[in-house]
Amino acid sequence: MAQSKVVLITGCSDGGIGHYLAVEFAARGCTVYASARNPSKITYGDDKLIIPLELDVTSMESVKAAVAHVVQEAGRIDVLVNNAGVSCMGPMVEVDIERVRQAYDTNVLGVARVCQVVSPHMIRQRSGTIANVGSVVGYSTTPWAGVYASTKSAVHAMSDAMRMELSPFNVHVTVVAPGGIKSHFADNSELELPEWTNYSLAKPAIEARIKYSQVGGVTPTDEFAAVVVGRILADHPSAYITYGNHSTLTWLMYYVPPVLRDRILARRFNTGLLNGKGAGSSSSVSGALKALLALAAAGAVVCAAKAYI
């Protein structure tokens, strides 16, 4: 009989992506250590396969203690899912540097800390899978999301390097890039503009961007979890797992020439409010047609790239 896989997930507070990933792993027979900075926010009823765990990814001491507890109790870690993350929205040049630091400490350094502590155990086992949760904005950013998108781009780059470096030890690394998934992401995001801001006219557009992932056909979290967990548990997980509302379009944007991509995204997220041109009035019809043609051409990339994402 095959041994049950031991899974460690960060960022499992109730109602978020991590919570539903834990439920899905457990439904597939895995022993799941569902962690969060505040374990009182982790509730799974009577599910014996899900074990709440305190883990603060911004503290190396906390990470080491949590991983040591899992290894001592379960004997191994087969799957690590780095899901813990925080939002940070606003104009790139006006986001308070302390907020930027906090975003990087959690979203980037948090991933690095947990990987550095877990990976030696997987290397000794000569087996394991690390799934780092990035984002579709890690492929192509938008106005008002520069800090958050940059942290996710960093996660993608770190994961690409780790995938090559850990492959000789039979340790797989994959990036999970969610699109618009039902979560508390918008609820946990606050717009903080300085008193001297140059972006007061764009405040409605920034606030709309904060809510963007939670409107317009949002993918149910349990559906997302079922797809992603199945692919993480594969014998040879793909390098990227991209799924959710807006995901294909956002991924395609990476391949659109920057001059057109900037025009499309500036129109979509209303940077024109800053110069009085309003939504969608700053680009000509021919420019929009060129953008659509570029998107159509980029679509040809999808078939060739399916094995990658």
C-alpha atoms as a PDB file:
ATOM      1  CA  MET A   1       0.000   0.000   0.000  1.00  0.00           C
ATOM      2  CA  ALA A   2       1.369   3.414  -1.038  1.00  0.00           C
ATOM      3  CA  GLN A   3       2.483   5.672   1.806  1.00  0.00           C
ATOM      4  CA  SER A   4       0.286   8.713   2.413  1.00  0.00           C
ATOM      5  CA  LYS A   5       2.016  11.904   1.293  1.00  0.00           C
ATOM      6  CA  VAL A   6       2.861  14.498   3.910  1.00  0.00           C
ATOM      7  CA  VAL A   7       2.011  18.034   2.795  1.00  0.00           C
ATOM      8  CA  LEU A   8       2.995  21.347   4.394  1.00  0.00           C
ATOM      9  CA  ILE A   9       1.061  24.429   3.275  1.00  0.00           C
ATOM     10  CA  THR A  10       1.645  28.022   4.377  1.00  0.00           C
ATOM     11  CA  GLY A  11      -1.069  30.670   4.500  1.00  0.00           C
ATOM     12  CA  CYS A  12      -4.086  28.499   5.377  1.00  0.00           C
ATOM     13  CA  SER A  13      -6.354  30.990   7.112  1.00  0.00           C
ATOM     14  CA  ASP A  14     -10.053  30.221   6.678  1.00  0.00           C
ATOM     15  CA  GLY A  15     -11.624  31.040   3.341  1.00  0.00           C
ATOM     16  CA  GLY A  16      -8.438  31.575   1.356  1.00  0.00           C
ATOM     17  CA  ILE A  17      -6.712  29.553  -1.348  1.00  0.00           C
ATOM     18  CA  GLY A  18      -4.510  27.757   1.193  1.00  0.00           C
ATOM     19  CA  HIS A  19      -7.562  26.581   3.126  1.00  0.00           C
ATOM     20  CA  TYR A  20      -9.118  24.970   0.065  1.00  0.00           C
ATOM     21  CA  LEU A  21      -5.811  23.445  -1.051  1.00  0.00           C
ATOM     22  CA  ALA A  22      -5.536  21.762   2.355  1.00  0.00           C
ATOM     23  CA  VAL A  23      -9.073  20.366   2.055  1.00  0.00           C
ATOM     24  CA  GLU A  24      -8.347  18.987  -1.428  1.00  0.00           C
ATOM     25  CA  PHE A  25      -5.030  17.383  -0.450  1.00  0.00           C
ATOM     26  CA  ALA A  26      -6.747  15.736   2.520  1.00  0.00           C
ATOM     27  CA  ALA A  27      -9.575  14.525   0.284  1.00  0.00           C
ATOM     28  CA  ARG A  28      -6.918  12.711  -1.754  1.00  0.00           C
ATOM     29  CA  GLY A  29      -5.596  10.927   1.322  1.00  0.00           C
ATOM     30  CA  CYS A  30      -2.663  13.185   2.175  1.00  0.00           C
ATOM     31  CA  THR A  31      -1.664  14.158   5.697  1.00  0.00           C
ATOM     32  CA  VAL A  32      -1.782  17.934   5.635  1.00  0.00           C
ATOM     33  CA  TYR A  33      -0.065  20.379   7.963  1.00  0.00           C
ATOM     34  CA  ALA A  34      -2.059  23.558   7.365  1.00  0.00           C
ATOM     35  CA  SER A  35      -0.142  26.504   8.745  1.00  0.00           C
ATOM     36  CA  ALA A  36      -0.750  30.176   9.395  1.00  0.00           C
ATOM     37  CA  ARG A  37       0.805  32.931  11.460  1.00  0.00           C
ATOM     38  CA  ASN A  38      -2.300  32.857  13.668  1.00  0.00           C
ATOM     39  CA  PRO A  39      -3.455  29.228  14.045  1.00  0.00           C
ATOM     40  CA  SER A  40      -6.759  30.356  15.596  1.00  0.00           C
ATOM     41  CA  LYS A  41      -7.781  31.317  12.053  1.00  0.00           C
ATOM     42  CA  ILE A  42      -7.399  27.700  10.877  1.00  0.00           C
ATOM     43  CA  THR A  43     -10.527  25.571  11.272  1.00  0.00           C
ATOM     44  CA  TYR A  44     -11.265  22.293   9.502  1.00  0.00           C
ATOM     45  CA  GLY A  45     -13.867  20.674  11.710  1.00  0.00           C
ATOM     46  CA  ASP A  46     -13.249  16.991  12.426  1.00  0.00           C
ATOM     47  CA  ASP A  47     -10.951  16.288   9.480  1.00  0.00           C
ATOM     48  CA  LYS A  48      -8.233  14.125  11.077  1.00  0.00           C
ATOM     49  CA  LEU A  49      -5.942  14.440   8.062  1.00  0.00           C
ATOM     50  CA  ILE A  50      -5.546  18.211   8.477  1.00  0.00           C
ATOM     51  CA  ILE A  51      -3.329  19.356  11.343  1.00  0.00           C
ATOM     52  CA  PRO A  52      -3.243  23.084  12.192  1.00  0.00           C
ATOM     53  CA  LEU A  53       0.257  24.482  12.660  1.00  0.00           C
ATOM     54  CA  GLU A  54       1.666  27.858  13.662  1.00  0.00           C
ATOM     55  CA  LEU A  55       4.149  29.186  11.112  1.00  0.00           C
ATOM     56  CA  ASP A  56       5.145  32.792  10.441  1.00  0.00           C
ATOM     57  CA  VAL A  57       7.046  32.934   7.142  1.00  0.00           C
ATOM     58  CA  THR A  58       8.644  36.261   8.117  1.00  0.00           C
ATOM     59  CA  SER A  59      10.478  34.583  11.020  1.00  0.00           C
ATOM     60  CA  MET A  60      13.251  32.067  10.337  1.00  0.00           C
ATOM     61  CA  GLU A  61      12.927  30.847  13.926  1.00  0.00           C
ATOM     62  CA  SER A  62       9.222  30.129  13.401  1.00  0.00           C
ATOM     63  CA  VAL A  63       9.888  28.380  10.089  1.00  0.00           C
ATOM     64  CA  LYS A  64      12.573  26.142  11.585  1.00  0.00           C
ATOM     65  CA  ALA A  65      10.397  25.223  14.563  1.00  0.00           C
ATOM     66  CA  ALA A  66       7.378  24.374  12.390  1.00  0.00           C
ATOM     67  CA  VAL A  67       9.346  22.273   9.912  1.00  0.00           C
ATOM     68  CA  ALA A  68      11.142  20.447  12.725  1.00  0.00           C
ATOM     69  CA  HIS A  69       7.772  19.634  14.296  1.00  0.00           C
ATOM     70  CA  VAL A  70       6.409  18.215  11.030  1.00  0.00           C
ATOM     71  CA  VAL A  71       9.493  16.097  10.369  1.00  0.00           C
ATOM     72  CA  GLN A  72       9.605  14.811  13.932  1.00  0.00           C
ATOM     73  CA  GLU A  73       5.904  13.903  13.921  1.00  0.00           C
ATOM     74  CA  ALA A  74       5.425  12.706  10.335  1.00  0.00           C
ATOM     75  CA  GLY A  75       8.974  11.656   9.468  1.00  0.00           C
ATOM     76  CA  ARG A  76       9.093  13.474   6.139  1.00  0.00           C
ATOM     77  CA  ILE A  77       7.703  16.256   3.965  1.00  0.00           C
ATOM     78  CA  ASP A  78       6.678  15.158   0.482  1.00  0.00           C
ATOM     79  CA  VAL A  79       4.976  18.324  -0.746  1.00  0.00           C
ATOM     80  CA  LEU A  80       5.552  21.950   0.226  1.00  0.00           C
ATOM     81  CA  VAL A  81       3.093  24.614  -0.925  1.00  0.00           C
ATOM     82  CA  ASN A  82       4.300  28.162  -0.331  1.00  0.00           C
ATOM     83  CA  ASN A  83       0.978  29.983  -0.392  1.00  0.00           C
ATOM     84  CA  ALA A  84       1.359  32.694   2.281  1.00  0.00           C
ATOM     85  CA  GLY A  85       1.240  36.161   0.777  1.00  0.00           C
ATOM     86  CA  VAL A  86       0.057  39.727   1.266  1.00  0.00           C
ATOM     87  CA  SER A  87      -1.313  42.343  -1.089  1.00  0.00           C
ATOM     88  CA  CYS A  88       0.304  45.706  -1.764  1.00  0.00           C
ATOM     89  CA  MET A  89      -1.531  47.978  -4.198  1.00  0.00           C
ATOM     90  CA  GLY A  90      -1.108  51.580  -5.239  1.00  0.00           C
ATOM     91  CA  PRO A  91       0.976  53.818  -7.503  1.00  0.00           C
ATOM     92  CA  MET A  92       4.478  52.385  -7.619  1.00  0.00           C
ATOM     93  CA  VAL A  93       6.170  55.698  -6.823  1.00  0.00           C
ATOM     94  CA  GLU A  94       3.932  56.478  -3.832  1.00  0.00           C
ATOM     95  CA  VAL A  95       3.570  53.180  -1.972  1.00  0.00           C
ATOM     96  CA  ASP A  96       5.106  53.585   1.466  1.00  0.00           C
ATOM     97  CA  ILE A  97       8.472  51.845   1.563  1.00  0.00           C
ATOM     98  CA  GLU A  98       7.577  50.072   4.797  1.00  0.00           C
ATOM     99  CA  ARG A  99       4.616  48.455   3.009  1.00  0.00           C
ATOM    100  CA  VAL A 100       6.940  47.473   0.168  1.00  0.00           C
ATOM    101  CA  ARG A 101       9.332  45.900   2.665  1.00  0.00           C
ATOM    102  CA  GLN A 102       6.518  43.981   4.328  1.00  0.00           C
ATOM    103  CA  ALA A 103       5.297  42.656   0.970  1.00  0.00           C
ATOM    104  CA  TYR A 104       8.757  41.434   0.021  1.00  0.00           C
ATOM    105  CA  ASP A 105       9.402  40.000   3.471  1.00  0.00           C
ATOM    106  CA  THR A 106       6.307  37.813   3.190  1.00  0.00           C
ATOM    107  CA  ASN A 107       5.906  37.128  -0.527  1.00  0.00           C
ATOM    108  CA  VAL A 108       9.558  36.713  -1.515  1.00  0.00           C
ATOM    109  CA  LEU A 109      11.756  36.191   1.536  1.00  0.00           C
ATOM    110  CA  GLY A 110       9.022  34.059   3.111  1.00  0.00           C
ATOM    111  CA  VAL A 111       9.231  31.659   0.188  1.00  0.00           C
ATOM    112  CA  ALA A 112      13.025  31.645   0.399  1.00  0.00           C
ATOM    113  CA  ARG A 113      13.011  30.928   4.147  1.00  0.00           C
ATOM    114  CA  VAL A 114      10.629  27.989   3.948  1.00  0.00           C
ATOM    115  CA  CYS A 115      12.367  26.502   0.895  1.00  0.00           C
ATOM    116  CA  GLN A 116      15.763  26.750   2.569  1.00  0.00           C
ATOM    117  CA  VAL A 117      14.523  24.878   5.639  1.00  0.00           C
ATOM    118  CA  VAL A 118      12.421  22.224   3.870  1.00  0.00           C
ATOM    119  CA  SER A 119      14.640  21.469   0.875  1.00  0.00           C
ATOM    120  CA  PRO A 120      17.442  19.681   2.828  1.00  0.00           C
ATOM    121  CA  HIS A 121      14.887  17.105   3.995  1.00  0.00           C
ATOM    122  CA  MET A 122      13.690  16.542   0.435  1.00  0.00           C
ATOM    123  CA  ILE A 123      17.258  16.291  -0.827  1.00  0.00           C
ATOM    124  CA  ARG A 124      18.014  13.591   1.738  1.00  0.00           C
ATOM    125  CA  GLN A 125      14.814  11.778   0.732  1.00  0.00           C
ATOM    126  CA  ARG A 126      15.737  12.156  -2.952  1.00  0.00           C
ATOM    127  CA  SER A 127      12.093  13.055  -3.554  1.00  0.00           C
ATOM    128  CA  GLY A 128       9.616  15.854  -3.089  1.00  0.00           C
ATOM    129  CA  THR A 129       7.651  18.623  -4.761  1.00  0.00           C
ATOM    130  CA  ILE A 130       7.770  22.333  -3.989  1.00  0.00           C
ATOM    131  CA  ALA A 131       4.866  24.409  -5.288  1.00  0.00           C
ATOM    132  CA  ASN A 132       5.371  28.160  -5.005  1.00  0.00           C
ATOM    133  CA  VAL A 133       2.253  30.253  -5.467  1.00  0.00           C
ATOM    134  CA  GLY A 134       2.963  33.147  -7.798  1.00  0.00           C
ATOM    135  CA  SER A 135       0.320  34.967  -9.829  1.00  0.00           C
ATOM    136  CA  VAL A 136      -0.676  35.718 -13.396  1.00  0.00           C
ATOM    137  CA  VAL A 137       0.516  39.277 -12.716  1.00  0.00           C
ATOM    138  CA  GLY A 138       3.939  37.705 -12.307  1.00  0.00           C
ATOM    139  CA  TYR A 139       3.786  37.282 -16.102  1.00  0.00           C
ATOM    140  CA  SER A 140       2.463  40.753 -16.909  1.00  0.00           C
ATOM    141  CA  THR A 141       1.812  43.535 -14.438  1.00  0.00           C
ATOM    142  CA  THR A 142      -0.863  46.224 -14.551  1.00  0.00           C
ATOM    143  CA  PRO A 143      -1.057  49.797 -13.362  1.00  0.00           C
ATOM    144  CA  TRP A 144      -1.571  50.105  -9.592  1.00  0.00           C
ATOM    145  CA  ALA A 145      -0.148  46.626  -8.869  1.00  0.00           C
ATOM    146  CA  GLY A 146       3.574  47.170  -9.395  1.00  0.00           C
ATOM    147  CA  VAL A 147       4.770  46.171  -5.935  1.00  0.00           C
ATOM    148  CA  TYR A 148       2.594  43.063  -5.651  1.00  0.00           C
ATOM    149  CA  ALA A 149       3.346  41.965  -9.228  1.00  0.00           C
ATOM    150  CA  SER A 150       7.074  42.424  -8.706  1.00  0.00           C
ATOM    151  CA  THR A 151       7.002  40.120  -5.668  1.00  0.00           C
ATOM    152  CA  LYS A 152       5.269  37.455  -7.734  1.00  0.00           C
ATOM    153  CA  SER A 153       7.704  37.881 -10.630  1.00  0.00           C
ATOM    154  CA  ALA A 154      10.458  37.299  -8.093  1.00  0.00           C
ATOM    155  CA  VAL A 155       8.750  34.088  -6.942  1.00  0.00           C
ATOM    156  CA  HIS A 156       8.597  32.898 -10.556  1.00  0.00           C
ATOM    157  CA  ALA A 157      12.299  33.616 -11.095  1.00  0.00           C
ATOM    158  CA  MET A 158      13.334  31.974  -7.815  1.00  0.00           C
ATOM    159  CA  SER A 159      11.266  28.911  -8.686  1.00  0.00           C
ATOM    160  CA  ASP A 160      12.820  28.628 -12.145  1.00  0.00           C
ATOM    161  CA  ALA A 161      16.273  28.607 -10.575  1.00  0.00           C
ATOM    162  CA  MET A 162      15.285  26.109  -7.863  1.00  0.00           C
ATOM    163  CA  ARG A 163      13.706  23.801 -10.426  1.00  0.00           C
ATOM    164  CA  MET A 164      17.034  23.448 -12.227  1.00  0.00           C
ATOM    165  CA  GLU A 165      19.100  23.281  -9.032  1.00  0.00           C
ATOM    166  CA  LEU A 166      16.938  20.676  -7.258  1.00  0.00           C
ATOM    167  CA  SER A 167      16.214  18.469 -10.244  1.00  0.00           C
ATOM    168  CA  PRO A 168      19.411  16.397  -9.749  1.00  0.00           C
ATOM    169  CA  PHE A 169      18.034  15.391  -6.342  1.00  0.00           C
ATOM    170  CA  ASN A 170      14.666  14.313  -7.805  1.00  0.00           C
ATOM    171  CA  VAL A 171      12.938  17.298  -6.191  1.00  0.00           C
ATOM    172  CA  HIS A 172      10.369  18.964  -8.436  1.00  0.00           C
ATOM    173  CA  VAL A 173       9.545  22.672  -8.356  1.00  0.00           C
ATOM    174  CA  THR A 174       6.414  24.175  -9.889  1.00  0.00           C
ATOM    175  CA  VAL A 175       4.878  27.625  -9.948  1.00  0.00           C
ATOM    176  CA  VAL A 176       1.154  27.920  -9.297  1.00  0.00           C
ATOM    177  CA  ALA A 177      -0.079  31.082 -11.032  1.00  0.00           C
ATOM    178  CA  PRO A 178      -3.693  31.784 -10.047  1.00  0.00           C
ATOM    179  CA  GLY A 179      -5.912  34.099 -12.041  1.00  0.00           C
ATOM    180  CA  GLY A 180      -9.054  35.518 -10.486  1.00  0.00           C
ATOM    181  CA  ILE A 181      -9.871  33.016  -7.723  1.00  0.00           C
ATOM    182  CA  LYS A 182     -12.582  33.583  -5.119  1.00  0.00           C
ATOM    183  CA  SER A 183     -10.778  34.644  -1.950  1.00  0.00           C
ATOM    184  CA  HIS A 184     -10.422  37.379   0.653  1.00  0.00           C
ATOM    185  CA  PHE A 185      -7.712  39.080  -1.407  1.00  0.00           C
ATOM    186  CA  ALA A 186      -9.659  42.297  -1.992  1.00  0.00           C
ATOM    187  CA  ASP A 187     -10.954  42.337   1.581  1.00  0.00           C
ATOM    188  CA  ASN A 188      -7.380  42.256   2.878  1.00  0.00           C
ATOM    189  CA  SER A 189      -6.196  45.074   0.603  1.00  0.00           C
ATOM    190  CA  GLU A 190      -6.320  48.709   1.604  1.00  0.00           C
ATOM    191  CA  LEU A 191      -5.468  51.737  -0.482  1.00  0.00           C
ATOM    192  CA  GLU A 192      -3.157  54.109   1.352  1.00  0.00           C
ATOM    193  CA  LEU A 193      -2.284  57.273  -0.550  1.00  0.00           C
ATOM    194  CA  PRO A 194      -0.069  59.911   1.068  1.00  0.00           C
ATOM    195  CA  GLU A 195      -1.554  63.318   1.832  1.00  0.00           C
ATOM    196  CA  TRP A 196       0.587  64.865  -0.898  1.00  0.00           C
ATOM    197  CA  THR A 197      -0.428  62.291  -3.542  1.00  0.00           C
ATOM    198  CA  ASN A 198      -0.364  63.088  -7.241  1.00  0.00           C
ATOM    199  CA  TYR A 199      -2.877  60.306  -7.879  1.00  0.00           C
ATOM    200  CA  SER A 200      -6.058  61.540  -6.168  1.00  0.00           C
ATOM    201  CA  LEU A 201      -7.881  61.698  -9.515  1.00  0.00           C
ATOM    202  CA  ALA A 202      -7.089  58.033 -10.099  1.00  0.00           C
ATOM    203  CA  LYS A 203      -8.349  56.834  -6.713  1.00  0.00           C
ATOM    204  CA  PRO A 204     -11.506  55.221  -8.181  1.00  0.00           C
ATOM    205  CA  ALA A 205      -9.391  53.369 -10.743  1.00  0.00           C
ATOM    206  CA  ILE A 206      -6.959  52.126  -8.099  1.00  0.00           C
ATOM    207  CA  GLU A 207      -9.790  50.936  -5.879  1.00  0.00           C
ATOM    208  CA  ALA A 208     -11.339  49.135  -8.855  1.00  0.00           C
ATOM    209  CA  ARG A 209      -7.988  47.457  -9.553  1.00  0.00           C
ATOM    210  CA  ILE A 210      -7.848  46.179  -5.979  1.00  0.00           C
ATOM    211  CA  LYS A 211     -11.198  44.441  -6.522  1.00  0.00           C
ATOM    212  CA  TYR A 212     -10.417  43.309 -10.071  1.00  0.00           C
ATOM    213  CA  SER A 213      -9.529  39.697  -9.229  1.00  0.00           C
ATOM    214  CA  GLN A 214     -12.868  39.244  -7.451  1.00  0.00           C
ATOM    215  CA  VAL A 215     -15.245  40.426 -10.189  1.00  0.00           C
ATOM    216  CA  GLY A 216     -16.377  39.131 -13.557  1.00  0.00           C
ATOM    217  CA  GLY A 217     -16.681  35.359 -13.450  1.00  0.00           C
ATOM    218  CA  VAL A 218     -14.365  34.578 -10.562  1.00  0.00           C
ATOM    219  CA  THR A 219     -13.208  30.945 -10.460  1.00  0.00           C
ATOM    220  CA  PRO A 220     -14.586  29.044  -7.413  1.00  0.00           C
ATOM    221  CA  THR A 221     -11.813  28.252  -4.951  1.00  0.00           C
ATOM    222  CA  ASP A 222     -12.709  24.571  -4.630  1.00  0.00           C
ATOM    223  CA  GLU A 223     -12.567  24.182  -8.421  1.00  0.00           C
ATOM    224  CA  PHE A 224      -9.157  25.839  -8.503  1.00  0.00           C
ATOM    225  CA  ALA A 225      -7.913  23.608  -5.670  1.00  0.00           C
ATOM    226  CA  ALA A 226      -9.093  20.416  -7.370  1.00  0.00           C
ATOM    227  CA  VAL A 227      -7.262  21.264 -10.596  1.00  0.00           C
ATOM    228  CA  VAL A 228      -4.075  22.486  -8.939  1.00  0.00           C
ATOM    229  CA  VAL A 229      -3.715  19.690  -6.376  1.00  0.00           C
ATOM    230  CA  GLY A 230      -4.142  17.055  -9.059  1.00  0.00           C
ATOM    231  CA  ARG A 231      -1.319  18.605 -11.058  1.00  0.00           C
ATOM    232  CA  ILE A 232       0.963  19.096  -8.037  1.00  0.00           C
ATOM    233  CA  LEU A 233       0.594  15.419  -7.106  1.00  0.00           C
ATOM    234  CA  ALA A 234       1.556  14.260 -10.595  1.00  0.00           C
ATOM    235  CA  ASP A 235       4.740  12.191 -10.841  1.00  0.00           C
ATOM    236  CA  HIS A 236       6.321  14.957 -12.911  1.00  0.00           C
ATOM    237  CA  PRO A 237       4.542  18.276 -12.241  1.00  0.00           C
ATOM    238  CA  SER A 238       4.677  20.857 -15.000  1.00  0.00           C
ATOM    239  CA  ALA A 239       6.896  23.888 -14.488  1.00  0.00           C
ATOM    240  CA  TYR A 240       3.893  26.221 -14.320  1.00  0.00           C
ATOM    241  CA  ILE A 241       0.271  25.605 -13.330  1.00  0.00           C
ATOM    242  CA  THR A 242      -1.783  28.557 -14.564  1.00  0.00           C
ATOM    243  CA  TYR A 243      -5.499  28.504 -13.835  1.00  0.00           C
ATOM    244  CA  GLY A 244      -8.378  30.857 -13.089  1.00  0.00           C
ATOM    245  CA  ASN A 245     -10.325  33.807 -14.421  1.00  0.00           C
ATOM    246  CA  HIS A 246      -8.264  36.256 -16.529  1.00  0.00           C
ATOM    247  CA  SER A 247      -5.318  33.831 -16.500  1.00  0.00           C
ATOM    248  CA  THR A 248      -4.937  33.138 -20.229  1.00  0.00           C
ATOM    249  CA  LEU A 249      -5.374  36.778 -21.246  1.00  0.00           C
ATOM    250  CA  THR A 250      -2.907  38.007 -18.635  1.00  0.00           C
ATOM    251  CA  TRP A 251      -0.366  35.368 -19.640  1.00  0.00           C
ATOM    252  CA  LEU A 252      -0.750  36.334 -23.307  1.00  0.00           C
ATOM    253  CA  MET A 253      -0.085  39.970 -22.451  1.00  0.00           C
ATOM    254  CA  TYR A 254       3.546  39.070 -21.801  1.00  0.00           C
ATOM    255  CA  TYR A 255       3.969  38.384 -25.526  1.00  0.00           C
ATOM    256  CA  VAL A 256       2.313  41.583 -26.731  1.00  0.00           C
ATOM    257  CA  PRO A 257       4.812  44.314 -27.774  1.00  0.00           C
ATOM    258  CA  PRO A 258       5.260  46.699 -24.826  1.00  0.00           C
ATOM    259  CA  VAL A 259       3.993  49.765 -26.690  1.00  0.00           C
ATOM    260  CA  LEU A 260       0.690  48.016 -27.321  1.00  0.00           C
ATOM    261  CA  ARG A 261       0.539  46.278 -23.961  1.00  0.00           C
ATOM    262  CA  ASP A 262       0.980  49.607 -22.176  1.00  0.00           C
ATOM    263  CA  ARG A 263      -1.813  51.139 -24.233  1.00  0.00           C
ATOM    264  CA  ILE A 264      -4.214  48.275 -23.564  1.00  0.00           C
ATOM    265  CA  LEU A 265      -3.574  48.153 -19.820  1.00  0.00           C
ATOM    266  CA  ALA A 266      -3.547  51.928 -19.392  1.00  0.00           C
ATOM    267  CA  ARG A 267      -6.989  52.043 -21.010  1.00  0.00           C
ATOM    268  CA  ARG A 268      -8.268  49.078 -18.997  1.00  0.00           C
ATOM    269  CA  PHE A 269      -7.135  50.493 -15.659  1.00  0.00           C
ATOM    270  CA  ASN A 270      -7.880  54.138 -16.419  1.00  0.00           C
ATOM    271  CA  THR A 271      -4.576  55.935 -16.077  1.00  0.00           C
ATOM    272  CA  GLY A 272      -6.177  58.528 -18.375  1.00  0.00           C
ATOM    273  CA  LEU A 273      -8.050  59.884 -15.367  1.00  0.00           C
ATOM    274  CA  LEU A 274      -4.834  61.632 -14.383  1.00  0.00           C
ATOM    275  CA  ASN A 275      -4.785  63.892 -17.433  1.00  0.00           C
ATOM    276  CA  GLY A 276      -8.519  64.367 -17.799  1.00  0.00           C
ATOM    277  CA  LYS A 277      -8.929  62.050 -20.760  1.00  0.00           C
ATOM    278  CA  GLY A 278     -10.976  59.523 -18.832  1.00  0.00           C
ATOM    279  CA  ALA A 279     -11.415  55.851 -19.524  1.00  0.00           C
ATOM    280  CA  GLY A 280     -10.576  54.609 -22.966  1.00  0.00           C
ATOM    281  CA  SER A 281     -10.282  57.970 -24.741  1.00  0.00           C
ATOM    282  CA  SER A 282      -6.504  58.153 -24.959  1.00  0.00           C
ATOM    283  CA  SER A 283      -6.027  55.619 -27.768  1.00  0.00           C
ATOM    284  CA  SER A 284      -7.177  55.736 -31.361  1.00  0.00           C
ATOM    285  CA  VAL A 285      -9.330  53.091 -33.028  1.00  0.00           C
ATOM    286  CA  SER A 286      -6.395  51.980 -35.154  1.00  0.00           C
ATOM    287  CA  GLY A 287      -4.316  51.529 -32.019  1.00  0.00           C
ATOM    288  CA  ALA A 288      -6.973  49.308 -30.495  1.00  0.00           C
ATOM    289  CA  LEU A 289      -7.149  47.237 -33.676  1.00  0.00           C
ATOM    290  CA  LYS A 290      -3.394  46.795 -33.691  1.00  0.00           C
ATOM    291  CA  ALA A 291      -3.560  45.664 -30.094  1.00  0.00           C
ATOM    292  CA  LEU A 292      -6.220  43.089 -30.904  1.00  0.00           C
ATOM    293  CA  LEU A 293      -4.153  41.802 -33.823  1.00  0.00           C
ATOM    294  CA  ALA A 294      -1.150  41.490 -31.547  1.00  0.00           C
ATOM    295  CA  LEU A 295      -3.221  39.500 -29.073  1.00  0.00           C
ATOM    296  CA  ALA A 296      -4.442  37.212 -31.840  1.00  0.00           C
ATOM    297  CA  ALA A 297      -0.866  36.596 -32.986  1.00  0.00           C
ATOM    298  CA  ALA A 298       0.210  35.913 -29.428  1.00  0.00           C
ATOM    299  CA  GLY A 299      -2.513  33.292 -29.185  1.00  0.00           C
ATOM    300  CA  ALA A 300      -0.467  31.089 -31.483  1.00  0.00           C
ATOM    301  CA  VAL A 301       2.066  30.768 -28.693  1.00  0.00           C
ATOM    302  CA  VAL A 302      -0.424  28.972 -26.451  1.00  0.00           C
ATOM    303  CA  CYS A 303      -0.390  25.640 -28.254  1.00  0.00           C
ATOM    304  CA  ALA A 304       3.391  25.447 -28.261  1.00  0.00           C
ATOM    305  CA  ALA A 305       3.559  26.445 -24.609  1.00  0.00           C
ATOM    306  CA  LYS A 306       0.940  24.097 -23.128  1.00  0.00           C
ATOM    307  CA  ALA A 307       3.607  21.764 -21.813  1.00  0.00           C
ATOM    308  CA  TYR A 308       5.205  24.707 -20.017  1.00  0.00           C
ATOM    309  CA  ILE A 309       2.138  26.070 -18.257  1.00  0.00           C
END
